[in-house]
Amino acid sequence: MHEYLADRPEIPAGAPIGDLVGREVGDVTVYLNQSGGHRMVRDRMDRADVEYDVYHLDRAKARRLAGTVRELLLEDLPGRDVGGALVLDVTEISSPRYLPDLTSREHVYGGEITLFYVED
């Protein structure tokens, strides 16, 4: 998913990451983290639950970017071949909600999706 979002012109360059190590306060960030999942069909289809958090110094921009990430994941990603896997479907667990970072004082909106895929 990192490479998929990194290739989208709607997402700021360098924003999609899978690790917060080295991230500086103020960097516009789309942090992706697998939160769970399981094998749906033996040797054929997997399910991954993925949380996404959008960090921005401006609350309205954080909200808009989180909405863009949500839209891309739910509406554009299904049917695409990404990173050696065919994405069959994406469903929403929770839409972006406000989760301000109490340490950095940045605005954060986070949501969670379920990704259904088969390896190529």
N, C-alpha and C. Protein backbone atom coordinates (compact mmCIF):
# COMPACT_ATOMS: atom_id res chain seq x y z
N MET A 1 0.81 -1.19 0.00
CA MET A 1 0.00 0.00 0.00
C MET A 1 0.86 1.26 0.00
N HIS A 2 2.06 1.17 0.59
CA HIS A 2 2.94 2.34 0.60
C HIS A 2 3.25 2.78 -0.83
N GLU A 3 3.62 1.79 -1.67
CA GLU A 3 3.98 2.15 -3.05
C GLU A 3 2.77 2.64 -3.83
N TYR A 4 1.60 2.08 -3.55
CA TYR A 4 0.39 2.55 -4.22
C TYR A 4 0.13 4.01 -3.88
N LEU A 5 0.12 4.36 -2.60
CA LEU A 5 -0.16 5.74 -2.20
C LEU A 5 0.96 6.68 -2.64
N ALA A 6 2.21 6.20 -2.62
CA ALA A 6 3.34 7.04 -3.03
C ALA A 6 3.25 7.43 -4.51
N ASP A 7 2.60 6.61 -5.31
CA ASP A 7 2.46 6.88 -6.75
C ASP A 7 1.25 7.75 -7.08
N ARG A 8 0.44 8.07 -6.10
CA ARG A 8 -0.77 8.86 -6.36
C ARG A 8 -0.43 10.35 -6.28
N PRO A 9 -0.80 11.12 -7.30
CA PRO A 9 -0.48 12.56 -7.29
C PRO A 9 -1.21 13.33 -6.20
N GLU A 10 -2.29 12.78 -5.67
CA GLU A 10 -3.06 13.45 -4.63
C GLU A 10 -2.37 13.41 -3.26
N ILE A 11 -1.37 12.54 -3.13
CA ILE A 11 -0.68 12.33 -1.86
C ILE A 11 0.68 13.03 -1.91
N PRO A 12 1.02 13.85 -0.91
CA PRO A 12 2.31 14.55 -0.93
C PRO A 12 3.48 13.58 -1.02
N ALA A 13 4.48 13.94 -1.81
CA ALA A 13 5.67 13.10 -2.00
C ALA A 13 6.31 12.79 -0.66
N GLY A 14 6.65 11.53 -0.46
CA GLY A 14 7.32 11.09 0.75
C GLY A 14 6.43 10.91 1.96
N ALA A 15 5.14 11.22 1.84
CA ALA A 15 4.24 11.14 2.99
C ALA A 15 3.94 9.71 3.43
N PRO A 16 3.68 8.75 2.52
CA PRO A 16 3.36 7.39 2.98
C PRO A 16 4.57 6.69 3.58
N ILE A 17 4.43 6.25 4.82
CA ILE A 17 5.52 5.55 5.50
C ILE A 17 4.94 4.39 6.30
N GLY A 18 5.81 3.46 6.66
CA GLY A 18 5.39 2.32 7.47
C GLY A 18 6.08 2.28 8.82
N ASP A 19 6.85 3.33 9.12
CA ASP A 19 7.62 3.37 10.36
C ASP A 19 7.80 4.83 10.75
N LEU A 20 7.54 5.16 11.99
CA LEU A 20 7.66 6.54 12.45
C LEU A 20 9.08 6.91 12.88
N VAL A 21 10.00 5.95 12.88
CA VAL A 21 11.39 6.22 13.25
C VAL A 21 11.99 7.20 12.25
N GLY A 22 12.57 8.27 12.74
CA GLY A 22 13.18 9.28 11.88
C GLY A 22 12.23 10.35 11.39
N ARG A 23 10.96 10.19 11.67
CA ARG A 23 9.99 11.20 11.25
C ARG A 23 10.15 12.44 12.11
N GLU A 24 10.14 13.61 11.48
CA GLU A 24 10.27 14.88 12.19
C GLU A 24 8.90 15.51 12.41
N VAL A 25 8.72 16.15 13.53
CA VAL A 25 7.49 16.89 13.80
C VAL A 25 7.31 17.92 12.69
N GLY A 26 6.11 17.96 12.14
CA GLY A 26 5.82 18.89 11.06
C GLY A 26 5.84 18.25 9.68
N ASP A 27 6.44 17.05 9.57
CA ASP A 27 6.41 16.33 8.28
C ASP A 27 4.98 15.88 8.00
N VAL A 28 4.47 16.20 6.83
CA VAL A 28 3.16 15.67 6.43
C VAL A 28 3.36 14.17 6.24
N THR A 29 2.56 13.37 6.95
CA THR A 29 2.79 11.93 6.99
C THR A 29 1.49 11.16 6.85
N VAL A 30 1.56 10.06 6.09
CA VAL A 30 0.49 9.07 6.04
C VAL A 30 1.13 7.78 6.55
N TYR A 31 0.87 7.47 7.80
CA TYR A 31 1.48 6.31 8.46
C TYR A 31 0.54 5.11 8.31
N LEU A 32 1.05 4.04 7.71
CA LEU A 32 0.28 2.82 7.48
C LEU A 32 0.82 1.71 8.38
N ASN A 33 -0.08 1.02 9.07
CA ASN A 33 0.33 -0.01 10.01
C ASN A 33 -0.66 -1.16 9.97
N GLN A 34 -0.16 -2.37 9.70
CA GLN A 34 -1.05 -3.53 9.70
C GLN A 34 -1.47 -3.82 11.12
N SER A 35 -2.77 -3.87 11.35
CA SER A 35 -3.29 -4.06 12.70
C SER A 35 -3.83 -5.46 12.94
N GLY A 36 -3.91 -6.25 11.90
CA GLY A 36 -4.42 -7.61 12.04
C GLY A 36 -4.72 -8.21 10.69
N GLY A 37 -5.50 -9.27 10.71
CA GLY A 37 -5.88 -9.95 9.48
C GLY A 37 -5.79 -11.46 9.66
N HIS A 38 -6.12 -12.18 8.61
CA HIS A 38 -6.02 -13.64 8.65
C HIS A 38 -6.21 -14.21 7.24
N ARG A 39 -5.91 -15.48 7.09
CA ARG A 39 -6.11 -16.17 5.82
C ARG A 39 -7.59 -16.46 5.66
N MET A 40 -8.17 -15.97 4.56
CA MET A 40 -9.60 -16.16 4.32
C MET A 40 -9.90 -17.49 3.64
N VAL A 41 -9.09 -17.82 2.62
CA VAL A 41 -9.26 -19.06 1.86
C VAL A 41 -7.90 -19.72 1.78
N ARG A 42 -7.81 -20.96 2.24
CA ARG A 42 -6.52 -21.65 2.31
C ARG A 42 -5.73 -21.55 1.00
N ASP A 43 -4.48 -21.09 1.14
CA ASP A 43 -3.55 -20.96 0.02
C ASP A 43 -4.05 -20.08 -1.11
N ARG A 44 -5.05 -19.24 -0.86
CA ARG A 44 -5.57 -18.43 -1.96
C ARG A 44 -5.80 -16.97 -1.61
N MET A 45 -6.52 -16.68 -0.53
CA MET A 45 -6.89 -15.29 -0.28
C MET A 45 -6.59 -14.91 1.17
N ASP A 46 -5.97 -13.74 1.32
CA ASP A 46 -5.66 -13.21 2.65
C ASP A 46 -6.49 -11.96 2.92
N ARG A 47 -6.60 -11.66 4.21
CA ARG A 47 -7.25 -10.44 4.66
C ARG A 47 -6.25 -9.72 5.56
N ALA A 48 -6.05 -8.43 5.31
CA ALA A 48 -5.19 -7.62 6.17
C ALA A 48 -5.99 -6.42 6.66
N ASP A 49 -5.94 -6.17 7.96
CA ASP A 49 -6.53 -4.97 8.53
C ASP A 49 -5.41 -3.94 8.65
N VAL A 50 -5.64 -2.74 8.13
CA VAL A 50 -4.60 -1.72 8.08
C VAL A 50 -5.13 -0.41 8.64
N GLU A 51 -4.40 0.13 9.61
CA GLU A 51 -4.71 1.45 10.14
C GLU A 51 -3.91 2.49 9.38
N TYR A 52 -4.50 3.64 9.15
CA TYR A 52 -3.77 4.75 8.54
C TYR A 52 -3.98 5.99 9.41
N ASP A 53 -2.88 6.70 9.65
CA ASP A 53 -2.92 7.93 10.42
C ASP A 53 -2.28 9.03 9.58
N VAL A 54 -2.95 10.15 9.49
CA VAL A 54 -2.47 11.30 8.72
C VAL A 54 -2.08 12.39 9.70
N TYR A 55 -0.80 12.78 9.63
CA TYR A 55 -0.25 13.84 10.50
C TYR A 55 -0.08 15.12 9.68
N HIS A 56 -0.48 16.24 10.27
CA HIS A 56 -0.31 17.55 9.61
C HIS A 56 -0.39 18.63 10.69
N LEU A 57 0.31 19.72 10.48
CA LEU A 57 0.25 20.82 11.44
C LEU A 57 -1.05 21.60 11.36
N ASP A 58 -1.75 21.48 10.23
CA ASP A 58 -3.01 22.17 10.02
C ASP A 58 -4.15 21.15 10.12
N ARG A 59 -5.08 21.38 11.03
CA ARG A 59 -6.15 20.41 11.27
C ARG A 59 -7.02 20.17 10.04
N ALA A 60 -7.43 21.22 9.35
CA ALA A 60 -8.29 21.06 8.17
C ALA A 60 -7.57 20.30 7.07
N LYS A 61 -6.27 20.57 6.89
CA LYS A 61 -5.51 19.85 5.86
C LYS A 61 -5.32 18.38 6.24
N ALA A 62 -5.15 18.11 7.52
CA ALA A 62 -5.05 16.71 7.98
C ALA A 62 -6.34 15.97 7.69
N ARG A 63 -7.47 16.62 7.96
CA ARG A 63 -8.78 16.01 7.72
C ARG A 63 -9.00 15.74 6.24
N ARG A 64 -8.66 16.74 5.40
CA ARG A 64 -8.83 16.57 3.95
C ARG A 64 -7.94 15.47 3.40
N LEU A 65 -6.70 15.42 3.85
CA LEU A 65 -5.78 14.39 3.35
C LEU A 65 -6.24 13.00 3.81
N ALA A 66 -6.72 12.89 5.03
CA ALA A 66 -7.26 11.61 5.51
C ALA A 66 -8.46 11.19 4.66
N GLY A 67 -9.29 12.13 4.28
CA GLY A 67 -10.43 11.83 3.39
C GLY A 67 -9.96 11.37 2.02
N THR A 68 -8.91 11.98 1.53
CA THR A 68 -8.35 11.57 0.23
C THR A 68 -7.79 10.16 0.31
N VAL A 69 -7.05 9.86 1.38
CA VAL A 69 -6.51 8.51 1.58
C VAL A 69 -7.65 7.51 1.64
N ARG A 70 -8.67 7.83 2.40
CA ARG A 70 -9.84 6.95 2.53
C ARG A 70 -10.47 6.68 1.16
N GLU A 71 -10.69 7.73 0.40
CA GLU A 71 -11.32 7.60 -0.92
C GLU A 71 -10.46 6.73 -1.85
N LEU A 72 -9.16 6.96 -1.87
CA LEU A 72 -8.28 6.18 -2.73
C LEU A 72 -8.30 4.70 -2.34
N LEU A 73 -8.22 4.42 -1.05
CA LEU A 73 -8.19 3.03 -0.60
C LEU A 73 -9.51 2.31 -0.89
N LEU A 74 -10.64 2.98 -0.65
CA LEU A 74 -11.93 2.32 -0.82
C LEU A 74 -12.40 2.27 -2.27
N GLU A 75 -12.10 3.31 -3.05
CA GLU A 75 -12.68 3.42 -4.38
C GLU A 75 -11.71 3.11 -5.53
N ASP A 76 -10.42 3.38 -5.33
CA ASP A 76 -9.47 3.23 -6.43
C ASP A 76 -8.60 1.98 -6.31
N LEU A 77 -8.26 1.56 -5.11
CA LEU A 77 -7.35 0.44 -4.91
C LEU A 77 -7.92 -0.92 -5.33
N PRO A 78 -9.20 -1.22 -5.07
CA PRO A 78 -9.70 -2.54 -5.47
C PRO A 78 -9.52 -2.79 -6.97
N GLY A 79 -9.05 -4.00 -7.28
CA GLY A 79 -8.82 -4.39 -8.68
C GLY A 79 -7.42 -4.10 -9.16
N ARG A 80 -6.60 -3.45 -8.36
CA ARG A 80 -5.24 -3.13 -8.76
C ARG A 80 -4.25 -4.20 -8.32
N ASP A 81 -3.20 -4.35 -9.12
CA ASP A 81 -2.08 -5.21 -8.78
C ASP A 81 -1.04 -4.32 -8.11
N VAL A 82 -0.76 -4.59 -6.83
CA VAL A 82 0.15 -3.74 -6.05
C VAL A 82 1.14 -4.63 -5.30
N GLY A 83 2.41 -4.41 -5.55
CA GLY A 83 3.45 -5.11 -4.79
C GLY A 83 3.35 -6.62 -4.86
N GLY A 84 2.99 -7.17 -5.99
CA GLY A 84 2.91 -8.62 -6.14
C GLY A 84 1.62 -9.24 -5.63
N ALA A 85 0.61 -8.42 -5.40
CA ALA A 85 -0.69 -8.92 -4.94
C ALA A 85 -1.81 -8.23 -5.70
N LEU A 86 -2.85 -8.98 -5.99
CA LEU A 86 -4.05 -8.43 -6.61
C LEU A 86 -5.03 -8.09 -5.50
N VAL A 87 -5.40 -6.81 -5.41
CA VAL A 87 -6.35 -6.37 -4.39
C VAL A 87 -7.75 -6.67 -4.89
N LEU A 88 -8.44 -7.57 -4.20
CA LEU A 88 -9.78 -7.97 -4.60
C LEU A 88 -10.83 -6.97 -4.13
N ASP A 89 -10.70 -6.53 -2.88
CA ASP A 89 -11.68 -5.60 -2.34
C ASP A 89 -11.09 -4.90 -1.13
N VAL A 90 -11.66 -3.76 -0.79
CA VAL A 90 -11.29 -3.01 0.40
C VAL A 90 -12.59 -2.58 1.08
N THR A 91 -12.69 -2.83 2.37
CA THR A 91 -13.86 -2.39 3.13
C THR A 91 -13.38 -1.54 4.31
N GLU A 92 -14.29 -0.76 4.83
CA GLU A 92 -13.94 0.15 5.90
C GLU A 92 -14.29 -0.44 7.26
N ILE A 93 -13.33 -0.37 8.18
CA ILE A 93 -13.59 -0.74 9.57
C ILE A 93 -14.03 0.52 10.31
N SER A 94 -13.27 1.60 10.12
CA SER A 94 -13.68 2.88 10.72
C SER A 94 -13.19 4.03 9.86
N SER A 95 -14.02 5.04 9.73
CA SER A 95 -13.66 6.21 8.94
C SER A 95 -12.71 7.09 9.76
N PRO A 96 -12.02 8.02 9.10
CA PRO A 96 -11.06 8.86 9.82
C PRO A 96 -11.71 9.62 10.98
N ARG A 97 -11.04 9.54 12.11
CA ARG A 97 -11.49 10.25 13.31
C ARG A 97 -10.32 11.05 13.86
N TYR A 98 -10.61 12.06 14.62
CA TYR A 98 -9.58 12.96 15.14
C TYR A 98 -8.86 12.32 16.32
N LEU A 99 -7.54 12.20 16.20
CA LEU A 99 -6.69 11.58 17.23
C LEU A 99 -5.46 12.45 17.44
N PRO A 100 -5.59 13.64 18.01
CA PRO A 100 -4.44 14.53 18.11
C PRO A 100 -3.28 13.88 18.85
N ASP A 101 -2.06 14.13 18.38
CA ASP A 101 -0.86 13.60 19.00
C ASP A 101 -0.51 14.50 20.19
N LEU A 102 -0.61 13.96 21.38
CA LEU A 102 -0.41 14.76 22.59
C LEU A 102 1.05 15.12 22.82
N THR A 103 1.97 14.35 22.23
CA THR A 103 3.39 14.64 22.39
C THR A 103 3.85 15.73 21.44
N SER A 104 3.57 15.54 20.16
CA SER A 104 4.05 16.49 19.14
C SER A 104 3.12 17.68 18.95
N ARG A 105 1.89 17.57 19.45
CA ARG A 105 0.86 18.59 19.29
C ARG A 105 0.40 18.73 17.84
N GLU A 106 0.63 17.69 17.03
CA GLU A 106 0.18 17.70 15.64
C GLU A 106 -1.25 17.19 15.56
N HIS A 107 -1.90 17.57 14.48
CA HIS A 107 -3.25 17.08 14.21
C HIS A 107 -3.12 15.74 13.48
N VAL A 108 -3.91 14.77 13.94
CA VAL A 108 -3.88 13.43 13.35
C VAL A 108 -5.31 12.96 13.15
N TYR A 109 -5.56 12.45 11.96
CA TYR A 109 -6.83 11.78 11.67
C TYR A 109 -6.49 10.35 11.28
N GLY A 110 -7.16 9.39 11.91
CA GLY A 110 -6.86 7.98 11.63
C GLY A 110 -8.10 7.19 11.34
N GLY A 111 -7.94 6.23 10.43
CA GLY A 111 -9.01 5.31 10.07
C GLY A 111 -8.44 3.91 9.92
N GLU A 112 -9.31 2.97 9.59
CA GLU A 112 -8.87 1.58 9.43
C GLU A 112 -9.68 0.91 8.33
N ILE A 113 -8.98 0.11 7.53
CA ILE A 113 -9.63 -0.60 6.43
C ILE A 113 -9.27 -2.09 6.50
N THR A 114 -10.05 -2.89 5.81
CA THR A 114 -9.74 -4.29 5.59
C THR A 114 -9.44 -4.47 4.11
N LEU A 115 -8.33 -5.12 3.84
CA LEU A 115 -7.86 -5.35 2.47
C LEU A 115 -7.94 -6.84 2.18
N PHE A 116 -8.64 -7.21 1.12
CA PHE A 116 -8.72 -8.61 0.68
C PHE A 116 -7.87 -8.76 -0.56
N TYR A 117 -6.93 -9.73 -0.56
CA TYR A 117 -6.01 -9.84 -1.67
C TYR A 117 -5.56 -11.29 -1.89
N VAL A 118 -5.05 -11.52 -3.09
CA VAL A 118 -4.40 -12.77 -3.44
C VAL A 118 -3.02 -12.43 -3.99
N GLU A 119 -2.04 -13.27 -3.69
CA GLU A 119 -0.71 -13.05 -4.23
C GLU A 119 -0.67 -13.48 -5.68
N ASP A 120 0.09 -12.72 -6.47
CA ASP A 120 0.24 -13.07 -7.90
C ASP A 120 1.06 -14.32 -8.07
